[in-house]
């Protein structure tokens, strides 16, 4: 069975820091980020808990490739991706979207 994957971008209130990640379980991963399960991680140190972008993939390998592509791009490219999908930079996790 092929495992699905999610690519996501986190930020914090002032949007000066962006974190791009990949996971097979977005709900569980967001709970880890928001609770600072790993207190010395990048997202915990910079308080990146605001989900500003996500995309679901049928195959985790495809998601990993997309994460690498996004990470390899410029900040401007990441901002464009967010602005196209979430122009107000609202916290998508707070919306409790049903398909997460």
C-alpha atoms as a PDB file:
ATOM      1  CA  UNK A   1       0.000   0.000   0.000  1.00  0.00           C
ATOM      2  CA  UNK A   2       1.348   3.432  -0.972  1.00  0.00           C
ATOM      3  CA  UNK A   3       1.432   5.944   1.863  1.00  0.00           C
ATOM      4  CA  UNK A   4       0.051   9.438   1.256  1.00  0.00           C
ATOM      5  CA  UNK A   5       2.089  12.511   2.045  1.00  0.00           C
ATOM      6  CA  UNK A   6       1.675  16.155   2.930  1.00  0.00           C
ATOM      7  CA  UNK A   7       3.938  19.112   2.202  1.00  0.00           C
ATOM      8  CA  UNK A   8       3.399  22.073   4.482  1.00  0.00           C
ATOM      9  CA  UNK A   9       4.810  25.474   5.324  1.00  0.00           C
ATOM     10  CA  UNK A  10       4.753  26.924   8.823  1.00  0.00           C
ATOM     11  CA  UNK A  11       5.408  30.452   9.976  1.00  0.00           C
ATOM     12  CA  UNK A  12       4.757  32.489  13.082  1.00  0.00           C
ATOM     13  CA  UNK A  13       2.867  35.689  13.814  1.00  0.00           C
ATOM     14  CA  UNK A  14       5.209  38.118  12.038  1.00  0.00           C
ATOM     15  CA  UNK A  15       5.933  35.850   9.036  1.00  0.00           C
ATOM     16  CA  UNK A  16       9.674  36.498   9.121  1.00  0.00           C
ATOM     17  CA  UNK A  17      10.502  32.785   9.407  1.00  0.00           C
ATOM     18  CA  UNK A  18       9.260  30.008   7.124  1.00  0.00           C
ATOM     19  CA  UNK A  19       9.634  26.274   7.679  1.00  0.00           C
ATOM     20  CA  UNK A  20       8.878  23.712   4.974  1.00  0.00           C
ATOM     21  CA  UNK A  21       8.184  20.129   5.984  1.00  0.00           C
ATOM     22  CA  UNK A  22       6.829  16.803   4.777  1.00  0.00           C
ATOM     23  CA  UNK A  23       4.880  14.152   6.670  1.00  0.00           C
ATOM     24  CA  UNK A  24       2.590  11.197   6.172  1.00  0.00           C
ATOM     25  CA  UNK A  25       0.255  12.401   8.937  1.00  0.00           C
ATOM     26  CA  UNK A  26      -0.322  16.163   8.973  1.00  0.00           C
ATOM     27  CA  UNK A  27      -2.653  16.161  11.974  1.00  0.00           C
ATOM     28  CA  UNK A  28      -0.148  14.335  14.173  1.00  0.00           C
ATOM     29  CA  UNK A  29       2.794  16.404  12.913  1.00  0.00           C
ATOM     30  CA  UNK A  30       0.970  19.681  13.563  1.00  0.00           C
ATOM     31  CA  UNK A  31       0.171  18.550  17.095  1.00  0.00           C
ATOM     32  CA  UNK A  32       3.888  17.888  17.588  1.00  0.00           C
ATOM     33  CA  UNK A  33       4.862  21.309  16.241  1.00  0.00           C
ATOM     34  CA  UNK A  34       2.231  23.167  18.240  1.00  0.00           C
ATOM     35  CA  UNK A  35       3.078  21.411  21.512  1.00  0.00           C
ATOM     36  CA  UNK A  36       6.844  21.886  20.976  1.00  0.00           C
ATOM     37  CA  UNK A  37       7.318  18.153  21.447  1.00  0.00           C
ATOM     38  CA  UNK A  38      10.929  18.631  20.358  1.00  0.00           C
ATOM     39  CA  UNK A  39      11.910  21.804  22.261  1.00  0.00           C
ATOM     40  CA  UNK A  40      15.266  22.231  20.495  1.00  0.00           C
ATOM     41  CA  UNK A  41      13.884  21.860  16.978  1.00  0.00           C
ATOM     42  CA  UNK A  42      13.881  24.731  14.482  1.00  0.00           C
ATOM     43  CA  UNK A  43      10.110  25.175  14.701  1.00  0.00           C
ATOM     44  CA  UNK A  44      10.141  25.244  18.504  1.00  0.00           C
ATOM     45  CA  UNK A  45      13.039  27.712  18.692  1.00  0.00           C
ATOM     46  CA  UNK A  46      11.345  30.081  16.230  1.00  0.00           C
ATOM     47  CA  UNK A  47       7.783  29.334  17.397  1.00  0.00           C
ATOM     48  CA  UNK A  48       6.660  28.245  13.924  1.00  0.00           C
ATOM     49  CA  UNK A  49       3.216  26.848  14.635  1.00  0.00           C
ATOM     50  CA  UNK A  50       1.091  28.739  12.095  1.00  0.00           C
ATOM     51  CA  UNK A  51       0.135  26.509   9.148  1.00  0.00           C
ATOM     52  CA  UNK A  52       0.090  28.836   6.133  1.00  0.00           C
ATOM     53  CA  UNK A  53       0.269  26.269   3.302  1.00  0.00           C
ATOM     54  CA  UNK A  54      -0.318  22.562   2.807  1.00  0.00           C
ATOM     55  CA  UNK A  55      -0.819  20.177  -0.081  1.00  0.00           C
ATOM     56  CA  UNK A  56      -1.759  16.497  -0.014  1.00  0.00           C
ATOM     57  CA  UNK A  57      -0.105  13.931  -2.293  1.00  0.00           C
ATOM     58  CA  UNK A  58      -1.234  10.381  -2.993  1.00  0.00           C
ATOM     59  CA  UNK A  59       2.363   9.146  -2.676  1.00  0.00           C
ATOM     60  CA  UNK A  60       4.807  10.122   0.090  1.00  0.00           C
ATOM     61  CA  UNK A  61       7.705   9.939  -2.391  1.00  0.00           C
ATOM     62  CA  UNK A  62       6.024  12.576  -4.542  1.00  0.00           C
ATOM     63  CA  UNK A  63       5.547  14.722  -1.432  1.00  0.00           C
ATOM     64  CA  UNK A  64       9.228  14.361  -0.520  1.00  0.00           C
ATOM     65  CA  UNK A  65      10.249  15.482  -4.026  1.00  0.00           C
ATOM     66  CA  UNK A  66       7.970  18.519  -3.777  1.00  0.00           C
ATOM     67  CA  UNK A  67       9.316  19.411  -0.336  1.00  0.00           C
ATOM     68  CA  UNK A  68      12.860  19.331  -1.703  1.00  0.00           C
ATOM     69  CA  UNK A  69      11.826  21.498  -4.655  1.00  0.00           C
ATOM     70  CA  UNK A  70      10.189  24.074  -2.370  1.00  0.00           C
ATOM     71  CA  UNK A  71      13.110  24.063   0.081  1.00  0.00           C
ATOM     72  CA  UNK A  72      15.515  24.578  -2.815  1.00  0.00           C
ATOM     73  CA  UNK A  73      13.614  27.652  -3.993  1.00  0.00           C
ATOM     74  CA  UNK A  74      13.871  31.211  -2.844  1.00  0.00           C
ATOM     75  CA  UNK A  75      11.899  32.791  -0.041  1.00  0.00           C
ATOM     76  CA  UNK A  76      10.112  34.846  -2.694  1.00  0.00           C
ATOM     77  CA  UNK A  77       8.952  31.633  -4.397  1.00  0.00           C
ATOM     78  CA  UNK A  78       7.658  30.292  -1.068  1.00  0.00           C
ATOM     79  CA  UNK A  79       5.814  33.554  -0.396  1.00  0.00           C
ATOM     80  CA  UNK A  80       4.249  33.408  -3.869  1.00  0.00           C
ATOM     81  CA  UNK A  81       3.065  29.841  -3.230  1.00  0.00           C
ATOM     82  CA  UNK A  82       1.503  30.945   0.062  1.00  0.00           C
ATOM     83  CA  UNK A  83      -0.005  34.123  -1.413  1.00  0.00           C
ATOM     84  CA  UNK A  84      -1.678  32.197  -4.247  1.00  0.00           C
ATOM     85  CA  UNK A  85      -3.241  29.650  -1.883  1.00  0.00           C
ATOM     86  CA  UNK A  86      -3.665  31.677   1.312  1.00  0.00           C
ATOM     87  CA  UNK A  87      -3.422  35.419   0.503  1.00  0.00           C
ATOM     88  CA  UNK A  88      -4.294  36.549   4.047  1.00  0.00           C
ATOM     89  CA  UNK A  89      -1.815  34.112   5.611  1.00  0.00           C
ATOM     90  CA  UNK A  90      -4.469  32.822   8.004  1.00  0.00           C
ATOM     91  CA  UNK A  91      -3.620  29.890  10.239  1.00  0.00           C
ATOM     92  CA  UNK A  92      -5.139  26.998   8.307  1.00  0.00           C
ATOM     93  CA  UNK A  93      -4.806  24.741  11.342  1.00  0.00           C
ATOM     94  CA  UNK A  94      -7.048  27.067  13.321  1.00  0.00           C
ATOM     95  CA  UNK A  95      -9.717  26.683  10.650  1.00  0.00           C
ATOM     96  CA  UNK A  96      -9.800  22.957  11.493  1.00  0.00           C
ATOM     97  CA  UNK A  97     -10.211  21.950   7.880  1.00  0.00           C
ATOM     98  CA  UNK A  98     -12.039  18.638   7.581  1.00  0.00           C
ATOM     99  CA  UNK A  99      -9.596  17.125   5.096  1.00  0.00           C
ATOM    100  CA  UNK A 100      -6.508  17.334   7.305  1.00  0.00           C
END
